[in-house]
Amino acid sequence: MFSAWYRLCVSARLKSDSCQKWISTWWPAQAAGGKQGRELYDALFPLIEAVTQGQFVVSLDFSLAFDYGHPDIAIPFLHNLGLPISICSMLHKQWTNQRRYL
């Protein structure tokens, strides 16, 4: 039940003008999540276009990434493969600043 309340509160907060303004100052332009007026298709069309041009497409699945990988190895490796520094920085912050409660 907490998950539903959390999603509702976060969704409402993300839609506020002040939050959208703050997001636009640091969230990478390539990211679609959390931005008002952006749809799933806004994220998918550039990926489909990249594939048709023979480029690589990477999907980030966070379900176990933080349990089995080490950020000091993985993030520079991803950056060397062409992941933008803005996304690398976001991943590093998320990866190294997590707190877990049981």
PDB file of N, CA and C in Angstrom:
ATOM      1  N   MET A   1       0.815  -1.195   0.000  1.00  0.00           N
ATOM      2  CA  MET A   1       0.000   0.000   0.000  1.00  0.00           C
ATOM      3  C   MET A   1       0.864   1.267   0.000  1.00  0.00           C
ATOM      4  N   PHE A   2       1.986   1.202   0.710  1.00  0.00           N
ATOM      5  CA  PHE A   2       2.879   2.362   0.749  1.00  0.00           C
ATOM      6  C   PHE A   2       3.347   2.733  -0.648  1.00  0.00           C
ATOM      7  N   SER A   3       3.588   1.728  -1.485  1.00  0.00           N
ATOM      8  CA  SER A   3       4.055   1.975  -2.850  1.00  0.00           C
ATOM      9  C   SER A   3       3.071   2.851  -3.620  1.00  0.00           C
ATOM     10  N   ALA A   4       1.787   2.587  -3.460  1.00  0.00           N
ATOM     11  CA  ALA A   4       0.766   3.379  -4.172  1.00  0.00           C
ATOM     12  C   ALA A   4       0.775   4.828  -3.687  1.00  0.00           C
ATOM     13  N   TRP A   5       0.852   5.050  -2.375  1.00  0.00           N
ATOM     14  CA  TRP A   5       0.906   6.412  -1.837  1.00  0.00           C
ATOM     15  C   TRP A   5       2.167   7.132  -2.279  1.00  0.00           C
ATOM     16  N   TYR A   6       3.281   6.416  -2.257  1.00  0.00           N
ATOM     17  CA  TYR A   6       4.545   7.011  -2.679  1.00  0.00           C
ATOM     18  C   TYR A   6       4.457   7.469  -4.135  1.00  0.00           C
ATOM     19  N   ARG A   7       3.951   6.604  -4.992  1.00  0.00           N
ATOM     20  CA  ARG A   7       3.840   6.960  -6.409  1.00  0.00           C
ATOM     21  C   ARG A   7       2.906   8.140  -6.622  1.00  0.00           C
ATOM     22  N   LEU A   8       1.818   8.182  -5.889  1.00  0.00           N
ATOM     23  CA  LEU A   8       0.869   9.286  -6.005  1.00  0.00           C
ATOM     24  C   LEU A   8       1.515  10.603  -5.578  1.00  0.00           C
ATOM     25  N   CYS A   9       2.206  10.597  -4.435  1.00  0.00           N
ATOM     26  CA  CYS A   9       2.852  11.824  -3.941  1.00  0.00           C
ATOM     27  C   CYS A   9       3.957  12.294  -4.868  1.00  0.00           C
ATOM     28  N   VAL A  10       4.783  11.372  -5.330  1.00  0.00           N
ATOM     29  CA  VAL A  10       5.884  11.738  -6.221  1.00  0.00           C
ATOM     30  C   VAL A  10       5.338  12.258  -7.543  1.00  0.00           C
ATOM     31  N   SER A  11       4.321  11.607  -8.063  1.00  0.00           N
ATOM     32  CA  SER A  11       3.730  12.054  -9.332  1.00  0.00           C
ATOM     33  C   SER A  11       3.178  13.469  -9.201  1.00  0.00           C
ATOM     34  N   ALA A  12       2.481  13.741  -8.114  1.00  0.00           N
ATOM     35  CA  ALA A  12       1.933  15.088  -7.896  1.00  0.00           C
ATOM     36  C   ALA A  12       3.053  16.115  -7.759  1.00  0.00           C
ATOM     37  N   ARG A  13       4.104  15.764  -7.040  1.00  0.00           N
ATOM     38  CA  ARG A  13       5.226  16.691  -6.847  1.00  0.00           C
ATOM     39  C   ARG A  13       5.941  16.975  -8.161  1.00  0.00           C
ATOM     40  N   LEU A  14       6.140  15.932  -8.967  1.00  0.00           N
ATOM     41  CA  LEU A  14       6.842  16.109 -10.240  1.00  0.00           C
ATOM     42  C   LEU A  14       6.085  17.023 -11.197  1.00  0.00           C
ATOM     43  N   LYS A  15       4.790  17.126 -11.041  1.00  0.00           N
ATOM     44  CA  LYS A  15       3.991  17.948 -11.942  1.00  0.00           C
ATOM     45  C   LYS A  15       3.984  19.422 -11.562  1.00  0.00           C
ATOM     46  N   SER A  16       4.504  19.757 -10.402  1.00  0.00           N
ATOM     47  CA  SER A  16       4.503  21.164  -9.984  1.00  0.00           C
ATOM     48  C   SER A  16       5.497  21.970 -10.825  1.00  0.00           C
ATOM     49  N   ASP A  17       5.182  23.242 -11.005  1.00  0.00           N
ATOM     50  CA  ASP A  17       6.049  24.120 -11.795  1.00  0.00           C
ATOM     51  C   ASP A  17       7.438  24.260 -11.177  1.00  0.00           C
ATOM     52  N   SER A  18       7.494  24.387  -9.852  1.00  0.00           N
ATOM     53  CA  SER A  18       8.798  24.568  -9.198  1.00  0.00           C
ATOM     54  C   SER A  18       9.673  23.330  -9.368  1.00  0.00           C
ATOM     55  N   CYS A  19       9.073  22.164  -9.296  1.00  0.00           N
ATOM     56  CA  CYS A  19       9.842  20.929  -9.470  1.00  0.00           C
ATOM     57  C   CYS A  19      10.299  20.782 -10.918  1.00  0.00           C
ATOM     58  N   GLN A  20       9.456  21.091 -11.875  1.00  0.00           N
ATOM     59  CA  GLN A  20       9.830  21.010 -13.282  1.00  0.00           C
ATOM     60  C   GLN A  20      10.962  21.978 -13.602  1.00  0.00           C
ATOM     61  N   LYS A  21      10.921  23.162 -13.012  1.00  0.00           N
ATOM     62  CA  LYS A  21      11.997  24.131 -13.221  1.00  0.00           C
ATOM     63  C   LYS A  21      13.310  23.593 -12.661  1.00  0.00           C
ATOM     64  N   TRP A  22      13.253  23.009 -11.466  1.00  0.00           N
ATOM     65  CA  TRP A  22      14.449  22.434 -10.840  1.00  0.00           C
ATOM     66  C   TRP A  22      14.981  21.269 -11.663  1.00  0.00           C
ATOM     67  N   ILE A  23      14.107  20.392 -12.126  1.00  0.00           N
ATOM     68  CA  ILE A  23      14.522  19.239 -12.933  1.00  0.00           C
ATOM     69  C   ILE A  23      15.236  19.713 -14.196  1.00  0.00           C
ATOM     70  N   SER A  24      14.732  20.760 -14.819  1.00  0.00           N
ATOM     71  CA  SER A  24      15.323  21.227 -16.081  1.00  0.00           C
ATOM     72  C   SER A  24      16.744  21.757 -15.895  1.00  0.00           C
ATOM     73  N   THR A  25      17.155  22.070 -14.660  1.00  0.00           N
ATOM     74  CA  THR A  25      18.502  22.583 -14.436  1.00  0.00           C
ATOM     75  C   THR A  25      19.558  21.494 -14.357  1.00  0.00           C
ATOM     76  N   TRP A  26      19.170  20.249 -14.107  1.00  0.00           N
ATOM     77  CA  TRP A  26      20.187  19.199 -13.942  1.00  0.00           C
ATOM     78  C   TRP A  26      19.864  17.897 -14.651  1.00  0.00           C
ATOM     79  N   TRP A  27      18.609  17.606 -14.962  1.00  0.00           N
ATOM     80  CA  TRP A  27      18.239  16.333 -15.602  1.00  0.00           C
ATOM     81  C   TRP A  27      18.692  16.359 -17.053  1.00  0.00           C
ATOM     82  N   PRO A  28      19.389  15.323 -17.520  1.00  0.00           N
ATOM     83  CA  PRO A  28      19.914  15.327 -18.893  1.00  0.00           C
ATOM     84  C   PRO A  28      18.813  15.501 -19.938  1.00  0.00           C
ATOM     85  N   ALA A  29      19.127  16.212 -20.996  1.00  0.00           N
ATOM     86  CA  ALA A  29      18.145  16.450 -22.062  1.00  0.00           C
ATOM     87  C   ALA A  29      17.676  15.140 -22.691  1.00  0.00           C
ATOM     88  N   GLN A  30      18.523  14.102 -22.661  1.00  0.00           N
ATOM     89  CA  GLN A  30      18.174  12.822 -23.265  1.00  0.00           C
ATOM     90  C   GLN A  30      17.140  12.055 -22.439  1.00  0.00           C
ATOM     91  N   ALA A  31      16.988  12.402 -21.177  1.00  0.00           N
ATOM     92  CA  ALA A  31      16.074  11.668 -20.295  1.00  0.00           C
ATOM     93  C   ALA A  31      14.643  12.126 -20.514  1.00  0.00           C
ATOM     94  N   ALA A  32      13.718  11.181 -20.503  1.00  0.00           N
ATOM     95  CA  ALA A  32      12.313  11.507 -20.707  1.00  0.00           C
ATOM     96  C   ALA A  32      11.523  11.449 -19.408  1.00  0.00           C
ATOM     97  N   GLY A  33      11.909  10.598 -18.477  1.00  0.00           N
ATOM     98  CA  GLY A  33      11.157  10.424 -17.237  1.00  0.00           C
ATOM     99  C   GLY A  33      11.165  11.664 -16.372  1.00  0.00           C
ATOM    100  N   GLY A  34      10.011  11.973 -15.785  1.00  0.00           N
ATOM    101  CA  GLY A  34       9.912  13.094 -14.867  1.00  0.00           C
ATOM    102  C   GLY A  34       9.718  14.446 -15.514  1.00  0.00           C
ATOM    103  N   LYS A  35       9.721  14.517 -16.832  1.00  0.00           N
ATOM    104  CA  LYS A  35       9.567  15.805 -17.510  1.00  0.00           C
ATOM    105  C   LYS A  35       8.143  15.945 -18.035  1.00  0.00           C
ATOM    106  N   GLN A  36       7.530  17.061 -17.696  1.00  0.00           N
ATOM    107  CA  GLN A  36       6.181  17.330 -18.156  1.00  0.00           C
ATOM    108  C   GLN A  36       6.147  17.478 -19.671  1.00  0.00           C
ATOM    109  N   GLY A  37       5.138  16.910 -20.287  1.00  0.00           N
ATOM    110  CA  GLY A  37       5.001  17.007 -21.727  1.00  0.00           C
ATOM    111  C   GLY A  37       5.805  15.979 -22.496  1.00  0.00           C
ATOM    112  N   ARG A  38       6.567  15.153 -21.804  1.00  0.00           N
ATOM    113  CA  ARG A  38       7.347  14.102 -22.464  1.00  0.00           C
ATOM    114  C   ARG A  38       6.591  12.790 -22.323  1.00  0.00           C
ATOM    115  N   GLU A  39       6.541  12.046 -23.385  1.00  0.00           N
ATOM    116  CA  GLU A  39       5.840  10.766 -23.410  1.00  0.00           C
ATOM    117  C   GLU A  39       6.844   9.651 -23.654  1.00  0.00           C
ATOM    118  N   LEU A  40       6.388   8.448 -23.532  1.00  0.00           N
ATOM    119  CA  LEU A  40       7.208   7.273 -23.805  1.00  0.00           C
ATOM    120  C   LEU A  40       7.784   7.344 -25.218  1.00  0.00           C
ATOM    121  N   TYR A  41       6.986   7.814 -26.160  1.00  0.00           N
ATOM    122  CA  TYR A  41       7.426   7.881 -27.557  1.00  0.00           C
ATOM    123  C   TYR A  41       8.581   8.871 -27.758  1.00  0.00           C
ATOM    124  N   ASP A  42       8.624   9.910 -26.940  1.00  0.00           N
ATOM    125  CA  ASP A  42       9.736  10.857 -27.019  1.00  0.00           C
ATOM    126  C   ASP A  42      11.061  10.176 -26.698  1.00  0.00           C
ATOM    127  N   ALA A  43      11.019   9.150 -25.862  1.00  0.00           N
ATOM    128  CA  ALA A  43      12.222   8.396 -25.533  1.00  0.00           C
ATOM    129  C   ALA A  43      12.481   7.288 -26.551  1.00  0.00           C
ATOM    130  N   LEU A  44      11.430   6.687 -27.082  1.00  0.00           N
ATOM    131  CA  LEU A  44      11.599   5.543 -27.982  1.00  0.00           C
ATOM    132  C   LEU A  44      12.028   5.928 -29.401  1.00  0.00           C
ATOM    133  N   PHE A  45      11.500   6.992 -29.949  1.00  0.00           N
ATOM    134  CA  PHE A  45      11.814   7.348 -31.331  1.00  0.00           C
ATOM    135  C   PHE A  45      13.309   7.560 -31.576  1.00  0.00           C
ATOM    136  N   PRO A  46      14.028   8.293 -30.713  1.00  0.00           N
ATOM    137  CA  PRO A  46      15.484   8.413 -30.939  1.00  0.00           C
ATOM    138  C   PRO A  46      16.196   7.059 -30.857  1.00  0.00           C
ATOM    139  N   LEU A  47      15.713   6.159 -30.002  1.00  0.00           N
ATOM    140  CA  LEU A  47      16.332   4.834 -29.901  1.00  0.00           C
ATOM    141  C   LEU A  47      16.114   4.028 -31.174  1.00  0.00           C
ATOM    142  N   ILE A  48      14.903   4.067 -31.683  1.00  0.00           N
ATOM    143  CA  ILE A  48      14.599   3.340 -32.918  1.00  0.00           C
ATOM    144  C   ILE A  48      15.424   3.894 -34.073  1.00  0.00           C
ATOM    145  N   GLU A  49      15.543   5.218 -34.125  1.00  0.00           N
ATOM    146  CA  GLU A  49      16.344   5.852 -35.172  1.00  0.00           C
ATOM    147  C   GLU A  49      17.815   5.447 -35.051  1.00  0.00           C
ATOM    148  N   ALA A  50      18.340   5.390 -33.827  1.00  0.00           N
ATOM    149  CA  ALA A  50      19.736   4.996 -33.614  1.00  0.00           C
ATOM    150  C   ALA A  50      19.977   3.563 -34.083  1.00  0.00           C
ATOM    151  N   VAL A  51      19.045   2.667 -33.790  1.00  0.00           N
ATOM    152  CA  VAL A  51      19.185   1.270 -34.204  1.00  0.00           C
ATOM    153  C   VAL A  51      19.187   1.165 -35.724  1.00  0.00           C
ATOM    154  N   THR A  52      18.320   1.912 -36.373  1.00  0.00           N
ATOM    155  CA  THR A  52      18.264   1.845 -37.842  1.00  0.00           C
ATOM    156  C   THR A  52      19.533   2.391 -38.487  1.00  0.00           C
ATOM    157  N   GLN A  53      20.299   3.209 -37.741  1.00  0.00           N
ATOM    158  CA  GLN A  53      21.562   3.743 -38.245  1.00  0.00           C
ATOM    159  C   GLN A  53      22.754   2.894 -37.802  1.00  0.00           C
ATOM    160  N   GLY A  54      22.471   1.721 -37.219  1.00  0.00           N
ATOM    161  CA  GLY A  54      23.532   0.805 -36.829  1.00  0.00           C
ATOM    162  C   GLY A  54      24.219   1.126 -35.517  1.00  0.00           C
ATOM    163  N   GLN A  55      23.627   2.003 -34.710  1.00  0.00           N
ATOM    164  CA  GLN A  55      24.220   2.352 -33.425  1.00  0.00           C
ATOM    165  C   GLN A  55      23.779   1.356 -32.350  1.00  0.00           C
ATOM    166  N   PHE A  56      24.498   1.330 -31.246  1.00  0.00           N
ATOM    167  CA  PHE A  56      24.140   0.467 -30.121  1.00  0.00           C
ATOM    168  C   PHE A  56      23.110   1.161 -29.242  1.00  0.00           C
ATOM    169  N   VAL A  57      22.230   0.377 -28.664  1.00  0.00           N
ATOM    170  CA  VAL A  57      21.248   0.880 -27.715  1.00  0.00           C
ATOM    171  C   VAL A  57      21.413   0.085 -26.430  1.00  0.00           C
ATOM    172  N   VAL A  58      21.462   0.783 -25.300  1.00  0.00           N
ATOM    173  CA  VAL A  58      21.659   0.138 -24.004  1.00  0.00           C
ATOM    174  C   VAL A  58      20.428   0.368 -23.141  1.00  0.00           C
ATOM    175  N   SER A  59      20.009  -0.660 -22.461  1.00  0.00           N
ATOM    176  CA  SER A  59      18.907  -0.554 -21.521  1.00  0.00           C
ATOM    177  C   SER A  59      19.460  -0.731 -20.115  1.00  0.00           C
ATOM    178  N   LEU A  60      19.145   0.201 -19.237  1.00  0.00           N
ATOM    179  CA  LEU A  60      19.613   0.122 -17.862  1.00  0.00           C
ATOM    180  C   LEU A  60      18.530  -0.498 -16.988  1.00  0.00           C
ATOM    181  N   ASP A  61      18.811  -1.676 -16.455  1.00  0.00           N
ATOM    182  CA  ASP A  61      17.884  -2.361 -15.560  1.00  0.00           C
ATOM    183  C   ASP A  61      18.469  -2.259 -14.162  1.00  0.00           C
ATOM    184  N   PHE A  62      17.844  -1.462 -13.313  1.00  0.00           N
ATOM    185  CA  PHE A  62      18.388  -1.195 -11.991  1.00  0.00           C
ATOM    186  C   PHE A  62      18.037  -2.257 -10.953  1.00  0.00           C
ATOM    187  N   SER A  63      17.290  -3.296 -11.321  1.00  0.00           N
ATOM    188  CA  SER A  63      16.797  -4.237 -10.312  1.00  0.00           C
ATOM    189  C   SER A  63      17.911  -4.907  -9.516  1.00  0.00           C
ATOM    190  N   LEU A  64      19.024  -5.255 -10.137  1.00  0.00           N
ATOM    191  CA  LEU A  64      20.135  -5.876  -9.413  1.00  0.00           C
ATOM    192  C   LEU A  64      21.466  -5.151  -9.627  1.00  0.00           C
ATOM    193  N   ALA A  65      21.459  -4.097 -10.395  1.00  0.00           N
ATOM    194  CA  ALA A  65      22.709  -3.421 -10.749  1.00  0.00           C
ATOM    195  C   ALA A  65      23.480  -2.947  -9.528  1.00  0.00           C
ATOM    196  N   PHE A  66      22.788  -2.438  -8.536  1.00  0.00           N
ATOM    197  CA  PHE A  66      23.465  -1.878  -7.369  1.00  0.00           C
ATOM    198  C   PHE A  66      23.905  -2.958  -6.387  1.00  0.00           C
ATOM    199  N   ASP A  67      23.437  -4.192  -6.579  1.00  0.00           N
ATOM    200  CA  ASP A  67      23.815  -5.292  -5.687  1.00  0.00           C
ATOM    201  C   ASP A  67      25.076  -6.016  -6.151  1.00  0.00           C
ATOM    202  N   TYR A  68      25.315  -6.051  -7.455  1.00  0.00           N
ATOM    203  CA  TYR A  68      26.389  -6.893  -7.977  1.00  0.00           C
ATOM    204  C   TYR A  68      27.520  -6.142  -8.667  1.00  0.00           C
ATOM    205  N   GLY A  69      27.365  -4.869  -8.879  1.00  0.00           N
ATOM    206  CA  GLY A  69      28.414  -4.117  -9.568  1.00  0.00           C
ATOM    207  C   GLY A  69      29.059  -3.110  -8.631  1.00  0.00           C
ATOM    208  N   HIS A  70      30.204  -2.602  -9.034  1.00  0.00           N
ATOM    209  CA  HIS A  70      30.901  -1.582  -8.244  1.00  0.00           C
ATOM    210  C   HIS A  70      30.992  -0.315  -9.092  1.00  0.00           C
ATOM    211  N   PRO A  71      30.523   0.818  -8.564  1.00  0.00           N
ATOM    212  CA  PRO A  71      30.480   2.048  -9.368  1.00  0.00           C
ATOM    213  C   PRO A  71      31.834   2.516  -9.876  1.00  0.00           C
ATOM    214  N   ASP A  72      32.903   2.284  -9.121  1.00  0.00           N
ATOM    215  CA  ASP A  72      34.229   2.748  -9.560  1.00  0.00           C
ATOM    216  C   ASP A  72      34.743   1.986 -10.770  1.00  0.00           C
ATOM    217  N   ILE A  73      34.172   0.840 -11.034  1.00  0.00           N
ATOM    218  CA  ILE A  73      34.538   0.056 -12.219  1.00  0.00           C
ATOM    219  C   ILE A  73      33.520   0.276 -13.338  1.00  0.00           C
ATOM    220  N   ALA A  74      32.248   0.180 -12.985  1.00  0.00           N
ATOM    221  CA  ALA A  74      31.192   0.195 -13.995  1.00  0.00           C
ATOM    222  C   ALA A  74      31.006   1.559 -14.669  1.00  0.00           C
ATOM    223  N   ILE A  75      31.006   2.623 -13.902  1.00  0.00           N
ATOM    224  CA  ILE A  75      30.698   3.935 -14.479  1.00  0.00           C
ATOM    225  C   ILE A  75      31.770   4.421 -15.457  1.00  0.00           C
ATOM    226  N   PRO A  76      33.064   4.340 -15.137  1.00  0.00           N
ATOM    227  CA  PRO A  76      34.059   4.716 -16.151  1.00  0.00           C
ATOM    228  C   PRO A  76      33.977   3.827 -17.408  1.00  0.00           C
ATOM    229  N   PHE A  77      33.662   2.578 -17.209  1.00  0.00           N
ATOM    230  CA  PHE A  77      33.512   1.665 -18.341  1.00  0.00           C
ATOM    231  C   PHE A  77      32.357   2.113 -19.238  1.00  0.00           C
ATOM    232  N   LEU A  78      31.217   2.449 -18.634  1.00  0.00           N
ATOM    233  CA  LEU A  78      30.065   2.923 -19.402  1.00  0.00           C
ATOM    234  C   LEU A  78      30.378   4.240 -20.108  1.00  0.00           C
ATOM    235  N   HIS A  79      31.118   5.128 -19.420  1.00  0.00           N
ATOM    236  CA  HIS A  79      31.499   6.406 -20.039  1.00  0.00           C
ATOM    237  C   HIS A  79      32.416   6.178 -21.245  1.00  0.00           C
ATOM    238  N   ASN A  80      33.362   5.255 -21.111  1.00  0.00           N
ATOM    239  CA  ASN A  80      34.249   4.933 -22.241  1.00  0.00           C
ATOM    240  C   ASN A  80      33.498   4.345 -23.417  1.00  0.00           C
ATOM    241  N   LEU A  81      32.373   3.710 -23.137  1.00  0.00           N
ATOM    242  CA  LEU A  81      31.538   3.158 -24.210  1.00  0.00           C
ATOM    243  C   LEU A  81      30.634   4.218 -24.843  1.00  0.00           C
ATOM    244  N   GLY A  82      30.657   5.447 -24.287  1.00  0.00           N
ATOM    245  CA  GLY A  82      29.901   6.536 -24.897  1.00  0.00           C
ATOM    246  C   GLY A  82      28.712   7.037 -24.113  1.00  0.00           C
ATOM    247  N   LEU A  83      28.484   6.532 -22.893  1.00  0.00           N
ATOM    248  CA  LEU A  83      27.382   7.049 -22.081  1.00  0.00           C
ATOM    249  C   LEU A  83      27.717   8.481 -21.670  1.00  0.00           C
ATOM    250  N   PRO A  84      26.805   9.430 -21.888  1.00  0.00           N
ATOM    251  CA  PRO A  84      27.089  10.837 -21.575  1.00  0.00           C
ATOM    252  C   PRO A  84      27.486  11.034 -20.110  1.00  0.00           C
ATOM    253  N   ILE A  85      28.375  11.988 -19.872  1.00  0.00           N
ATOM    254  CA  ILE A  85      28.877  12.251 -18.526  1.00  0.00           C
ATOM    255  C   ILE A  85      27.743  12.644 -17.584  1.00  0.00           C
ATOM    256  N   SER A  86      26.715  13.307 -18.093  1.00  0.00           N
ATOM    257  CA  SER A  86      25.591  13.704 -17.230  1.00  0.00           C
ATOM    258  C   SER A  86      24.874  12.475 -16.670  1.00  0.00           C
ATOM    259  N   ILE A  87      24.700  11.455 -17.483  1.00  0.00           N
ATOM    260  CA  ILE A  87      24.048  10.237 -17.008  1.00  0.00           C
ATOM    261  C   ILE A  87      24.998   9.458 -16.102  1.00  0.00           C
ATOM    262  N   CYS A  88      26.287   9.462 -16.423  1.00  0.00           N
ATOM    263  CA  CYS A  88      27.280   8.813 -15.550  1.00  0.00           C
ATOM    264  C   CYS A  88      27.265   9.442 -14.164  1.00  0.00           C
ATOM    265  N   SER A  89      27.191  10.754 -14.105  1.00  0.00           N
ATOM    266  CA  SER A  89      27.150  11.451 -12.814  1.00  0.00           C
ATOM    267  C   SER A  89      25.893  11.099 -12.040  1.00  0.00           C
ATOM    268  N   MET A  90      24.757  11.056 -12.732  1.00  0.00           N
ATOM    269  CA  MET A  90      23.506  10.692 -12.085  1.00  0.00           C
ATOM    270  C   MET A  90      23.597   9.276 -11.513  1.00  0.00           C
ATOM    271  N   LEU A  91      24.133   8.347 -12.304  1.00  0.00           N
ATOM    272  CA  LEU A  91      24.279   6.966 -11.841  1.00  0.00           C
ATOM    273  C   LEU A  91      25.197   6.887 -10.623  1.00  0.00           C
ATOM    274  N   HIS A  92      26.294   7.621 -10.667  1.00  0.00           N
ATOM    275  CA  HIS A  92      27.238   7.584  -9.548  1.00  0.00           C
ATOM    276  C   HIS A  92      26.579   8.086  -8.261  1.00  0.00           C
ATOM    277  N   LYS A  93      25.840   9.183  -8.356  1.00  0.00           N
ATOM    278  CA  LYS A  93      25.156   9.719  -7.174  1.00  0.00           C
ATOM    279  C   LYS A  93      24.130   8.735  -6.636  1.00  0.00           C
ATOM    280  N   GLN A  94      23.364   8.144  -7.540  1.00  0.00           N
ATOM    281  CA  GLN A  94      22.340   7.195  -7.120  1.00  0.00           C
ATOM    282  C   GLN A  94      22.976   5.941  -6.523  1.00  0.00           C
ATOM    283  N   TRP A  95      24.023   5.487  -7.120  1.00  0.00           N
ATOM    284  CA  TRP A  95      24.671   4.242  -6.732  1.00  0.00           C
ATOM    285  C   TRP A  95      25.393   4.343  -5.396  1.00  0.00           C
ATOM    286  N   THR A  96      26.058   5.470  -5.169  1.00  0.00           N
ATOM    287  CA  THR A  96      26.900   5.586  -3.985  1.00  0.00           C
ATOM    288  C   THR A  96      26.208   6.242  -2.798  1.00  0.00           C
ATOM    289  N   ASN A  97      25.022   6.793  -2.993  1.00  0.00           N
ATOM    290  CA  ASN A  97      24.326   7.473  -1.897  1.00  0.00           C
ATOM    291  C   ASN A  97      23.063   6.749  -1.448  1.00  0.00           C
ATOM    292  N   GLN A  98      22.962   5.486  -1.733  1.00  0.00           N
ATOM    293  CA  GLN A  98      21.750   4.785  -1.332  1.00  0.00           C
ATOM    294  C   GLN A  98      21.831   4.321   0.117  1.00  0.00           C
ATOM    295  N   ARG A  99      20.685   4.310   0.760  1.00  0.00           N
ATOM    296  CA  ARG A  99      20.554   3.797   2.126  1.00  0.00           C
ATOM    297  C   ARG A  99      19.495   2.723   2.096  1.00  0.00           C
ATOM    298  N   ARG A 100      19.767   1.629   2.770  1.00  0.00           N
ATOM    299  CA  ARG A 100      18.824   0.515   2.789  1.00  0.00           C
ATOM    300  C   ARG A 100      18.351   0.272   4.206  1.00  0.00           C
ATOM    301  N   TYR A 101      17.073   0.074   4.328  1.00  0.00           N
ATOM    302  CA  TYR A 101      16.485  -0.210   5.628  1.00  0.00           C
ATOM    303  C   TYR A 101      15.727  -1.530   5.555  1.00  0.00           C
ATOM    304  N   LEU A 102      15.920  -2.333   6.536  1.00  0.00           N
ATOM    305  CA  LEU A 102      15.198  -3.612   6.615  1.00  0.00           C
ATOM    306  C   LEU A 102      14.081  -3.496   7.650  1.00  0.00           C
TER     307      LEU A 102
END
